[in-house]
Amino acid sequence: MKLSCADFTFPLLPHEDVLALVRLLGLDGVDLGIFSGRSHWTPEMILPDVPAAAQRLKASLDRHDLVASDVFLQTGAEPPLRAANDPDTSIRQANRETFLGILDFTVRLGAKHLTGLPGVWHEGIDQSADWTLAIDEARWRKAEAAGAGLEYAVEPHVGSLTPDPASALRFAQETGATLTLDYGHFVYQGMAPDTADVLLPHTSHFHARGGAKGQLQSTMKDNIIDFIAIHDALQKRNYPGWMCLEYVWVDWEGCNRTDNVSETILLRDLLRTHPANGRNQTA
C-alpha cells in the first residue's frame, strides 16, 4: 500500500518544513490541502497565476522527492460556506471556475487524484433540490476531471448531506464519482466501523487516522477502526490508490488534542509491519 501524509497535519510549520518532515517520516507522497483562507496553499494564492504557482510547488515537491498523492479542494472556510450545491447560481459558477483552476493546477503538479466535498443541507431549501444540485455538481466535476485524466472523489463527512454510509453509497452510485473515505466520520457518530465497508469498492483515496465514538480524531490507543482489515480488503481489490495518514490539527471537534507526529508514526508502523496478531490497533 502506498502511504502518504497530509500537509495539513502540520499547519504550524512552513510548507517547506512540512515537506521535509513528511520525507523524514519515510513517506513518498503528500496530500495537499487547498482550503480557502486556511491552508499553506489556498485557491486565492493559486488562481491569479496557476502555471507559476504549480511550478513553485512542483519544485518544492521535487526537492523533497515527494509526489502529490491527492489535491483536496475546499471552497469555503467552513463546510457550509460556498458549498458545491450552494443554491445561489453565482456562487456555484464561482465554485466551478475555482475548480477548473485547481484542476489545471493538479494536472501541472503531475497528481492523478482530486478530492472535493459533496455539499451540505441548506436551511429553507427543499432537501430534494439540495441533493439534486449536489449530484449535478459532482457529475460535472467528475466529467471535467476525467477529461483531464484525473480521478475525482468526494469525501463523505460529518455535517454534509452524506454523513453516513447509506447516503455516501447513494451519492457515489448516482454521480459515478469515487470516494475519499474516512471511517472516522462514521465511528464518531457511534456507528460500527464495519458499516462503512460497503463503501470500499467505490474508494479511490483513503484517509486513515484514529477514531472512536465521540472522537472524530483519536489516539491510536483509543482507536476502534481496524486499519489492518481495511488495508487487506483494499489490497484484495487491487486498490491502486494511496492511504493517507491524515491526522489534522484544527480547533474543530477536538482535532487539536493529539500528538500528530507520534500518532502518525504509530499508524504508519501498524500499516507497514502487519503485526502477527493482525488486529492490534495500538501498534
C-alpha atoms as a PDB file:
ATOM      1  CA  MET A   1       0.000   0.000   0.000  1.00  0.00           C
ATOM      2  CA  LYS A   2       1.303   3.446  -0.892  1.00  0.00           C
ATOM      3  CA  LEU A   3       1.371   5.648   2.219  1.00  0.00           C
ATOM      4  CA  SER A   4       1.192   9.424   2.208  1.00  0.00           C
ATOM      5  CA  CYS A   5       0.719  12.166   4.800  1.00  0.00           C
ATOM      6  CA  ALA A   6      -1.383  15.313   4.602  1.00  0.00           C
ATOM      7  CA  ASP A   7       0.396  18.654   4.605  1.00  0.00           C
ATOM      8  CA  PHE A   8      -2.428  19.976   6.800  1.00  0.00           C
ATOM      9  CA  THR A   9      -1.322  17.533   9.516  1.00  0.00           C
ATOM     10  CA  PHE A  10       1.282  20.153  10.438  1.00  0.00           C
ATOM     11  CA  PRO A  11      -0.290  23.585   9.807  1.00  0.00           C
ATOM     12  CA  LEU A  12       2.049  25.471  12.159  1.00  0.00           C
ATOM     13  CA  LEU A  13       5.171  24.678  10.122  1.00  0.00           C
ATOM     14  CA  PRO A  14       6.257  26.500   6.953  1.00  0.00           C
ATOM     15  CA  HIS A  15       5.360  24.370   3.954  1.00  0.00           C
ATOM     16  CA  GLU A  16       8.957  23.530   3.064  1.00  0.00           C
ATOM     17  CA  ASP A  17       9.418  22.197   6.591  1.00  0.00           C
ATOM     18  CA  VAL A  18       6.205  20.172   6.289  1.00  0.00           C
ATOM     19  CA  LEU A  19       7.511  18.505   3.145  1.00  0.00           C
ATOM     20  CA  ALA A  20      10.854  17.837   4.821  1.00  0.00           C
ATOM     21  CA  LEU A  21       9.070  16.253   7.800  1.00  0.00           C
ATOM     22  CA  VAL A  22       6.881  14.062   5.591  1.00  0.00           C
ATOM     23  CA  ARG A  23      10.036  12.808   3.884  1.00  0.00           C
ATOM     24  CA  LEU A  24      11.760  12.246   7.234  1.00  0.00           C
ATOM     25  CA  LEU A  25       8.789  10.077   8.166  1.00  0.00           C
ATOM     26  CA  GLY A  26       9.774   7.850   5.255  1.00  0.00           C
ATOM     27  CA  LEU A  27       6.707   8.574   3.147  1.00  0.00           C
ATOM     28  CA  ASP A  28       6.663   9.041  -0.622  1.00  0.00           C
ATOM     29  CA  GLY A  29       3.509  11.101  -1.077  1.00  0.00           C
ATOM     30  CA  VAL A  30       1.876  14.184   0.367  1.00  0.00           C
ATOM     31  CA  ASP A  31      -1.792  15.112   0.268  1.00  0.00           C
ATOM     32  CA  LEU A  32      -2.108  18.821  -0.482  1.00  0.00           C
ATOM     33  CA  GLY A  33      -4.898  20.730   1.220  1.00  0.00           C
ATOM     34  CA  ILE A  34      -6.121  23.640  -0.913  1.00  0.00           C
ATOM     35  CA  PHE A  35      -8.572  25.210   1.517  1.00  0.00           C
ATOM     36  CA  SER A  36      -9.966  28.681   1.025  1.00  0.00           C
ATOM     37  CA  GLY A  37      -8.320  31.019   3.523  1.00  0.00           C
ATOM     38  CA  ARG A  38      -6.831  28.351   5.797  1.00  0.00           C
ATOM     39  CA  SER A  39      -4.100  26.190   4.315  1.00  0.00           C
ATOM     40  CA  HIS A  40      -0.474  26.504   3.271  1.00  0.00           C
ATOM     41  CA  TRP A  41      -1.587  26.872  -0.346  1.00  0.00           C
ATOM     42  CA  THR A  42      -5.034  28.379  -0.914  1.00  0.00           C
ATOM     43  CA  PRO A  43      -7.128  28.881  -4.047  1.00  0.00           C
ATOM     44  CA  GLU A  44      -6.664  32.613  -3.541  1.00  0.00           C
ATOM     45  CA  MET A  45      -2.879  32.177  -3.799  1.00  0.00           C
ATOM     46  CA  ILE A  46      -3.001  29.848  -6.788  1.00  0.00           C
ATOM     47  CA  LEU A  47      -5.684  31.153  -9.132  1.00  0.00           C
ATOM     48  CA  PRO A  48      -4.119  34.501 -10.126  1.00  0.00           C
ATOM     49  CA  ASP A  49      -1.276  32.592 -11.859  1.00  0.00           C
ATOM     50  CA  VAL A  50      -1.847  28.848 -11.928  1.00  0.00           C
ATOM     51  CA  PRO A  51       1.233  27.935 -14.030  1.00  0.00           C
ATOM     52  CA  ALA A  52       3.604  29.901 -11.786  1.00  0.00           C
ATOM     53  CA  ALA A  53       2.061  28.513  -8.584  1.00  0.00           C
ATOM     54  CA  ALA A  54       2.239  24.960  -9.871  1.00  0.00           C
ATOM     55  CA  GLN A  55       5.845  25.434 -10.956  1.00  0.00           C
ATOM     56  CA  ARG A  56       6.846  26.680  -7.485  1.00  0.00           C
ATOM     57  CA  LEU A  57       5.098  23.878  -5.636  1.00  0.00           C
ATOM     58  CA  LYS A  58       6.302  21.194  -8.051  1.00  0.00           C
ATOM     59  CA  ALA A  59       9.869  22.392  -7.486  1.00  0.00           C
ATOM     60  CA  SER A  60       9.351  22.051  -3.722  1.00  0.00           C
ATOM     61  CA  LEU A  61       7.949  18.545  -4.101  1.00  0.00           C
ATOM     62  CA  ASP A  62      10.875  17.561  -6.300  1.00  0.00           C
ATOM     63  CA  ARG A  63      13.399  18.945  -3.787  1.00  0.00           C
ATOM     64  CA  HIS A  64      11.993  16.614  -1.175  1.00  0.00           C
ATOM     65  CA  ASP A  65      11.491  13.671  -3.545  1.00  0.00           C
ATOM     66  CA  LEU A  66       7.732  13.636  -2.942  1.00  0.00           C
ATOM     67  CA  VAL A  67       4.737  13.246  -5.212  1.00  0.00           C
ATOM     68  CA  ALA A  68       1.327  14.850  -4.788  1.00  0.00           C
ATOM     69  CA  SER A  69      -0.845  11.891  -3.784  1.00  0.00           C
ATOM     70  CA  ASP A  70      -4.028  13.990  -3.695  1.00  0.00           C
ATOM     71  CA  VAL A  71      -5.154  17.588  -4.066  1.00  0.00           C
ATOM     72  CA  PHE A  72      -8.012  18.319  -1.666  1.00  0.00           C
ATOM     73  CA  LEU A  73     -10.072  21.370  -2.653  1.00  0.00           C
ATOM     74  CA  GLN A  74     -12.384  23.113  -0.203  1.00  0.00           C
ATOM     75  CA  THR A  75     -14.004  26.298  -1.465  1.00  0.00           C
ATOM     76  CA  GLY A  76     -15.169  27.674   1.888  1.00  0.00           C
ATOM     77  CA  ALA A  77     -13.540  28.459   5.210  1.00  0.00           C
ATOM     78  CA  GLU A  78     -16.227  26.238   6.775  1.00  0.00           C
ATOM     79  CA  PRO A  79     -18.145  23.432   5.012  1.00  0.00           C
ATOM     80  CA  PRO A  80     -21.442  25.410   4.692  1.00  0.00           C
ATOM     81  CA  LEU A  81     -19.746  28.365   3.001  1.00  0.00           C
ATOM     82  CA  ARG A  82     -19.583  28.230  -0.794  1.00  0.00           C
ATOM     83  CA  ALA A  83     -20.617  24.566  -0.781  1.00  0.00           C
ATOM     84  CA  ALA A  84     -20.690  22.716  -4.102  1.00  0.00           C
ATOM     85  CA  ASN A  85     -24.501  22.717  -4.033  1.00  0.00           C
ATOM     86  CA  ASP A  86     -24.991  26.314  -2.913  1.00  0.00           C
ATOM     87  CA  PRO A  87     -28.475  27.430  -4.030  1.00  0.00           C
ATOM     88  CA  ASP A  88     -27.013  30.711  -5.327  1.00  0.00           C
ATOM     89  CA  THR A  89     -26.223  30.251  -9.036  1.00  0.00           C
ATOM     90  CA  SER A  90     -23.447  32.852  -8.945  1.00  0.00           C
ATOM     91  CA  ILE A  91     -21.691  31.026  -6.097  1.00  0.00           C
ATOM     92  CA  ARG A  92     -21.918  27.694  -7.911  1.00  0.00           C
ATOM     93  CA  GLN A  93     -20.463  29.319 -11.018  1.00  0.00           C
ATOM     94  CA  ALA A  94     -17.630  30.809  -8.978  1.00  0.00           C
ATOM     95  CA  ASN A  95     -17.014  27.388  -7.470  1.00  0.00           C
ATOM     96  CA  ARG A  96     -16.814  25.883 -10.950  1.00  0.00           C
ATOM     97  CA  GLU A  97     -14.247  28.476 -12.014  1.00  0.00           C
ATOM     98  CA  THR A  98     -12.224  27.722  -8.892  1.00  0.00           C
ATOM     99  CA  PHE A  99     -12.488  24.006  -9.574  1.00  0.00           C
ATOM    100  CA  LEU A 100     -11.234  24.399 -13.145  1.00  0.00           C
ATOM    101  CA  GLY A 101      -8.281  26.448 -11.950  1.00  0.00           C
ATOM    102  CA  ILE A 102      -7.335  23.888  -9.306  1.00  0.00           C
ATOM    103  CA  LEU A 103      -7.877  21.089 -11.814  1.00  0.00           C
ATOM    104  CA  ASP A 104      -5.296  22.754 -14.071  1.00  0.00           C
ATOM    105  CA  PHE A 105      -3.026  23.181 -11.035  1.00  0.00           C
ATOM    106  CA  THR A 106      -3.388  19.487 -10.178  1.00  0.00           C
ATOM    107  CA  VAL A 107      -2.504  18.400 -13.698  1.00  0.00           C
ATOM    108  CA  ARG A 108       0.575  20.630 -13.713  1.00  0.00           C
ATOM    109  CA  LEU A 109       1.739  19.078 -10.443  1.00  0.00           C
ATOM    110  CA  GLY A 110       1.528  15.633 -12.001  1.00  0.00           C
ATOM    111  CA  ALA A 111      -1.059  14.477  -9.482  1.00  0.00           C
ATOM    112  CA  LYS A 112      -3.697  11.975 -10.545  1.00  0.00           C
ATOM    113  CA  HIS A 113      -6.337  12.461  -7.846  1.00  0.00           C
ATOM    114  CA  LEU A 114      -8.513  15.415  -6.840  1.00  0.00           C
ATOM    115  CA  THR A 115     -10.856  15.423  -3.830  1.00  0.00           C
ATOM    116  CA  GLY A 116     -13.775  17.732  -3.069  1.00  0.00           C
ATOM    117  CA  LEU A 117     -16.701  17.858  -0.670  1.00  0.00           C
ATOM    118  CA  PRO A 118     -20.191  16.609  -1.582  1.00  0.00           C
ATOM    119  CA  GLY A 119     -22.263  19.526  -0.308  1.00  0.00           C
ATOM    120  CA  VAL A 120     -24.474  20.352   2.666  1.00  0.00           C
ATOM    121  CA  TRP A 121     -28.110  20.820   3.547  1.00  0.00           C
ATOM    122  CA  HIS A 122     -29.197  24.464   3.319  1.00  0.00           C
ATOM    123  CA  GLU A 123     -31.779  25.904   5.669  1.00  0.00           C
ATOM    124  CA  GLY A 124     -35.004  26.788   3.911  1.00  0.00           C
ATOM    125  CA  ILE A 125     -34.176  24.721   0.809  1.00  0.00           C
ATOM    126  CA  ASP A 126     -36.101  21.583  -0.094  1.00  0.00           C
ATOM    127  CA  GLN A 127     -33.823  18.601   0.514  1.00  0.00           C
ATOM    128  CA  SER A 128     -34.554  17.041  -2.857  1.00  0.00           C
ATOM    129  CA  ALA A 129     -33.420  20.263  -4.537  1.00  0.00           C
ATOM    130  CA  ASP A 130     -30.289  20.404  -2.381  1.00  0.00           C
ATOM    131  CA  TRP A 131     -29.499  16.778  -3.228  1.00  0.00           C
ATOM    132  CA  THR A 132     -30.079  17.295  -6.954  1.00  0.00           C
ATOM    133  CA  LEU A 133     -27.740  20.285  -7.064  1.00  0.00           C
ATOM    134  CA  ALA A 134     -25.056  18.301  -5.247  1.00  0.00           C
ATOM    135  CA  ILE A 135     -25.422  15.384  -7.664  1.00  0.00           C
ATOM    136  CA  ASP A 136     -25.271  17.666 -10.699  1.00  0.00           C
ATOM    137  CA  GLU A 137     -22.148  19.441  -9.473  1.00  0.00           C
ATOM    138  CA  ALA A 138     -20.337  16.193  -8.639  1.00  0.00           C
ATOM    139  CA  ARG A 139     -21.188  14.761 -12.058  1.00  0.00           C
ATOM    140  CA  TRP A 140     -19.853  17.904 -13.713  1.00  0.00           C
ATOM    141  CA  ARG A 141     -16.637  17.805 -11.675  1.00  0.00           C
ATOM    142  CA  LYS A 142     -16.148  14.115 -12.401  1.00  0.00           C
ATOM    143  CA  ALA A 143     -16.524  14.722 -16.148  1.00  0.00           C
ATOM    144  CA  GLU A 144     -14.110  17.661 -16.128  1.00  0.00           C
ATOM    145  CA  ALA A 145     -11.546  15.709 -14.130  1.00  0.00           C
ATOM    146  CA  ALA A 146     -11.880  12.641 -16.348  1.00  0.00           C
ATOM    147  CA  GLY A 147     -11.313  14.817 -19.391  1.00  0.00           C
ATOM    148  CA  ALA A 148      -8.025  15.923 -17.824  1.00  0.00           C
ATOM    149  CA  GLY A 149      -7.016  12.352 -16.973  1.00  0.00           C
ATOM    150  CA  LEU A 150      -7.740  12.649 -13.240  1.00  0.00           C
ATOM    151  CA  GLU A 151      -9.897  10.792 -10.736  1.00  0.00           C
ATOM    152  CA  TYR A 152     -12.407  12.963  -8.884  1.00  0.00           C
ATOM    153  CA  ALA A 153     -13.661  11.856  -5.478  1.00  0.00           C
ATOM    154  CA  VAL A 154     -15.795  13.332  -2.727  1.00  0.00           C
ATOM    155  CA  GLU A 155     -15.279  12.834   0.990  1.00  0.00           C
ATOM    156  CA  PRO A 156     -18.409  11.935   2.976  1.00  0.00           C
ATOM    157  CA  HIS A 157     -18.204  13.805   6.266  1.00  0.00           C
ATOM    158  CA  VAL A 158     -19.987  14.916   9.399  1.00  0.00           C
ATOM    159  CA  GLY A 159     -22.165  17.909   8.605  1.00  0.00           C
ATOM    160  CA  SER A 160     -22.561  17.080   4.916  1.00  0.00           C
ATOM    161  CA  LEU A 161     -25.514  15.586   3.065  1.00  0.00           C
ATOM    162  CA  THR A 162     -23.584  12.294   3.130  1.00  0.00           C
ATOM    163  CA  PRO A 163     -22.916  11.787   6.862  1.00  0.00           C
ATOM    164  CA  ASP A 164     -23.452   8.022   6.856  1.00  0.00           C
ATOM    165  CA  PRO A 165     -22.523   5.048   4.655  1.00  0.00           C
ATOM    166  CA  ALA A 166     -26.008   4.701   3.131  1.00  0.00           C
ATOM    167  CA  SER A 167     -26.152   8.275   1.845  1.00  0.00           C
ATOM    168  CA  ALA A 168     -22.499   8.142   0.759  1.00  0.00           C
ATOM    169  CA  LEU A 169     -23.176   4.964  -1.239  1.00  0.00           C
ATOM    170  CA  ARG A 170     -26.208   6.530  -2.872  1.00  0.00           C
ATOM    171  CA  PHE A 171     -24.167   9.619  -3.758  1.00  0.00           C
ATOM    172  CA  ALA A 172     -21.417   7.546  -5.361  1.00  0.00           C
ATOM    173  CA  GLN A 173     -23.912   5.455  -7.305  1.00  0.00           C
ATOM    174  CA  GLU A 174     -25.841   8.467  -8.614  1.00  0.00           C
ATOM    175  CA  THR A 175     -22.794  10.563  -9.564  1.00  0.00           C
ATOM    176  CA  GLY A 176     -20.265   7.959 -10.651  1.00  0.00           C
ATOM    177  CA  ALA A 177     -17.711   9.836  -8.563  1.00  0.00           C
ATOM    178  CA  THR A 178     -15.449   7.802  -6.329  1.00  0.00           C
ATOM    179  CA  LEU A 179     -14.893   8.400  -2.628  1.00  0.00           C
ATOM    180  CA  THR A 180     -12.118   9.676  -0.435  1.00  0.00           C
ATOM    181  CA  LEU A 181     -13.063   7.575   2.551  1.00  0.00           C
ATOM    182  CA  ASP A 182     -12.525   8.336   6.247  1.00  0.00           C
ATOM    183  CA  TYR A 183     -14.180   5.866   8.640  1.00  0.00           C
ATOM    184  CA  GLY A 184     -13.679   8.378  11.457  1.00  0.00           C
ATOM    185  CA  HIS A 185     -16.679  10.452  10.375  1.00  0.00           C
ATOM    186  CA  PHE A 186     -18.926   7.434  10.923  1.00  0.00           C
ATOM    187  CA  VAL A 187     -17.493   5.951  14.120  1.00  0.00           C
ATOM    188  CA  TYR A 188     -17.556   9.429  15.682  1.00  0.00           C
ATOM    189  CA  GLN A 189     -21.350   9.275  15.422  1.00  0.00           C
ATOM    190  CA  GLY A 190     -21.464   5.888  17.125  1.00  0.00           C
ATOM    191  CA  MET A 191     -21.705   3.729  14.002  1.00  0.00           C
ATOM    192  CA  ALA A 192     -19.848   0.417  13.938  1.00  0.00           C
ATOM    193  CA  PRO A 193     -16.706   0.694  11.786  1.00  0.00           C
ATOM    194  CA  ASP A 194     -17.679  -2.181   9.514  1.00  0.00           C
ATOM    195  CA  THR A 195     -20.853  -0.370   8.395  1.00  0.00           C
ATOM    196  CA  ALA A 196     -18.548   1.630   6.100  1.00  0.00           C
ATOM    197  CA  ASP A 197     -17.089  -1.484   4.441  1.00  0.00           C
ATOM    198  CA  VAL A 198     -19.789  -1.223   1.757  1.00  0.00           C
ATOM    199  CA  LEU A 199     -18.013   1.913   0.510  1.00  0.00           C
ATOM    200  CA  LEU A 200     -14.632   0.287  -0.130  1.00  0.00           C
ATOM    201  CA  PRO A 201     -15.478  -0.742  -3.733  1.00  0.00           C
ATOM    202  CA  HIS A 202     -16.143   2.934  -4.503  1.00  0.00           C
ATOM    203  CA  THR A 203     -12.988   4.237  -2.809  1.00  0.00           C
ATOM    204  CA  SER A 204     -10.126   5.803  -4.767  1.00  0.00           C
ATOM    205  CA  HIS A 205      -8.354   7.503  -1.835  1.00  0.00           C
ATOM    206  CA  PHE A 206      -8.311   6.707   1.882  1.00  0.00           C
ATOM    207  CA  HIS A 207      -7.871   8.926   4.947  1.00  0.00           C
ATOM    208  CA  ALA A 208      -6.503   6.991   7.922  1.00  0.00           C
ATOM    209  CA  ARG A 209      -6.418   8.319  11.481  1.00  0.00           C
ATOM    210  CA  GLY A 210      -7.601   7.069  14.828  1.00  0.00           C
ATOM    211  CA  GLY A 211     -11.290   7.437  15.612  1.00  0.00           C
ATOM    212  CA  ALA A 212     -13.841   6.384  18.199  1.00  0.00           C
ATOM    213  CA  LYS A 213     -17.357   7.233  19.332  1.00  0.00           C
ATOM    214  CA  GLY A 214     -17.397  10.918  20.208  1.00  0.00           C
ATOM    215  CA  GLN A 215     -13.854  11.338  18.889  1.00  0.00           C
ATOM    216  CA  LEU A 216     -13.585  12.409  15.278  1.00  0.00           C
ATOM    217  CA  GLN A 217      -9.831  12.084  15.754  1.00  0.00           C
ATOM    218  CA  SER A 218      -8.414   9.873  18.474  1.00  0.00           C
ATOM    219  CA  THR A 219      -5.103   8.487  19.613  1.00  0.00           C
ATOM    220  CA  MET A 220      -4.262   5.042  18.324  1.00  0.00           C
ATOM    221  CA  LYS A 221      -4.740   3.796  21.881  1.00  0.00           C
ATOM    222  CA  ASP A 222      -8.411   4.805  21.757  1.00  0.00           C
ATOM    223  CA  ASN A 223      -8.910   3.911  18.095  1.00  0.00           C
ATOM    224  CA  ILE A 224     -11.639   1.386  17.187  1.00  0.00           C
ATOM    225  CA  ILE A 225     -11.073   1.305  13.405  1.00  0.00           C
ATOM    226  CA  ASP A 226      -9.467  -1.905  12.140  1.00  0.00           C
ATOM    227  CA  PHE A 227      -6.990  -0.484   9.664  1.00  0.00           C
ATOM    228  CA  ILE A 228      -5.371  -3.854   9.021  1.00  0.00           C
ATOM    229  CA  ALA A 229      -8.696  -5.326   7.882  1.00  0.00           C
ATOM    230  CA  ILE A 230      -9.346  -2.277   5.695  1.00  0.00           C
ATOM    231  CA  HIS A 231      -5.847  -2.451   4.254  1.00  0.00           C
ATOM    232  CA  ASP A 232      -6.282  -6.139   3.407  1.00  0.00           C
ATOM    233  CA  ALA A 233      -9.736  -5.575   1.896  1.00  0.00           C
ATOM    234  CA  LEU A 234      -8.383  -2.828  -0.346  1.00  0.00           C
ATOM    235  CA  GLN A 235      -5.411  -4.952  -1.377  1.00  0.00           C
ATOM    236  CA  LYS A 236      -7.722  -7.813  -2.344  1.00  0.00           C
ATOM    237  CA  ARG A 237      -9.483  -5.392  -4.691  1.00  0.00           C
ATOM    238  CA  ASN A 238      -6.113  -4.435  -6.232  1.00  0.00           C
ATOM    239  CA  TYR A 239      -6.617  -0.932  -4.901  1.00  0.00           C
ATOM    240  CA  PRO A 240      -4.337   1.390  -6.904  1.00  0.00           C
ATOM    241  CA  GLY A 241      -4.602   4.439  -4.661  1.00  0.00           C
ATOM    242  CA  TRP A 242      -2.910   5.860  -1.609  1.00  0.00           C
ATOM    243  CA  MET A 243      -3.666   5.509   2.077  1.00  0.00           C
ATOM    244  CA  CYS A 244      -3.090   8.918   3.615  1.00  0.00           C
ATOM    245  CA  LEU A 245      -2.093   9.240   7.268  1.00  0.00           C
ATOM    246  CA  GLU A 246      -4.416  12.164   7.816  1.00  0.00           C
ATOM    247  CA  TYR A 247      -4.159  13.429  11.347  1.00  0.00           C
ATOM    248  CA  VAL A 248      -5.209  17.065  11.360  1.00  0.00           C
ATOM    249  CA  TRP A 249      -4.621  19.958  13.731  1.00  0.00           C
ATOM    250  CA  VAL A 250      -7.601  22.281  13.826  1.00  0.00           C
ATOM    251  CA  ASP A 251      -9.849  23.642  16.561  1.00  0.00           C
ATOM    252  CA  TRP A 252     -12.874  21.658  15.376  1.00  0.00           C
ATOM    253  CA  GLU A 253     -14.426  18.618  17.053  1.00  0.00           C
ATOM    254  CA  GLY A 254     -11.361  18.296  19.282  1.00  0.00           C
ATOM    255  CA  CYS A 255      -8.995  17.699  16.365  1.00  0.00           C
ATOM    256  CA  ASN A 256      -6.169  19.585  18.079  1.00  0.00           C
ATOM    257  CA  ARG A 257      -5.664  17.232  21.016  1.00  0.00           C
ATOM    258  CA  THR A 258      -3.326  14.645  19.549  1.00  0.00           C
ATOM    259  CA  ASP A 259       0.436  14.494  19.098  1.00  0.00           C
ATOM    260  CA  ASN A 260       0.319  14.303  15.341  1.00  0.00           C
ATOM    261  CA  VAL A 261       3.938  13.257  14.860  1.00  0.00           C
ATOM    262  CA  SER A 262       3.694  10.351  17.307  1.00  0.00           C
ATOM    263  CA  GLU A 263       0.241   9.202  16.187  1.00  0.00           C
ATOM    264  CA  THR A 264       1.290   9.339  12.517  1.00  0.00           C
ATOM    265  CA  ILE A 265       4.324   7.176  13.306  1.00  0.00           C
ATOM    266  CA  LEU A 266       2.215   4.656  15.238  1.00  0.00           C
ATOM    267  CA  LEU A 267      -0.273   4.336  12.404  1.00  0.00           C
ATOM    268  CA  ARG A 268       2.476   4.220   9.778  1.00  0.00           C
ATOM    269  CA  ASP A 269       4.218   1.385  11.602  1.00  0.00           C
ATOM    270  CA  LEU A 270       0.978  -0.521  12.099  1.00  0.00           C
ATOM    271  CA  LEU A 271       0.287  -0.448   8.379  1.00  0.00           C
ATOM    272  CA  ARG A 272       3.859  -1.300   7.457  1.00  0.00           C
ATOM    273  CA  THR A 273       4.512  -4.146   9.841  1.00  0.00           C
ATOM    274  CA  HIS A 274       1.198  -6.070   9.852  1.00  0.00           C
ATOM    275  CA  PRO A 275       1.818  -7.396  13.378  1.00  0.00           C
ATOM    276  CA  ALA A 276       1.337 -11.106  13.924  1.00  0.00           C
ATOM    277  CA  ASN A 277      -1.880 -10.656  15.867  1.00  0.00           C
ATOM    278  CA  GLY A 278      -3.308  -8.876  12.813  1.00  0.00           C
ATOM    279  CA  ARG A 279      -5.732  -6.786  14.847  1.00  0.00           C
ATOM    280  CA  ASN A 280      -3.515  -4.870  17.279  1.00  0.00           C
ATOM    281  CA  GLN A 281      -4.751  -1.368  16.572  1.00  0.00           C
ATOM    282  CA  THR A 282      -2.347   0.265  19.046  1.00  0.00           C
ATOM    283  CA  ALA A 283       0.741  -0.996  17.172  1.00  0.00           C
END
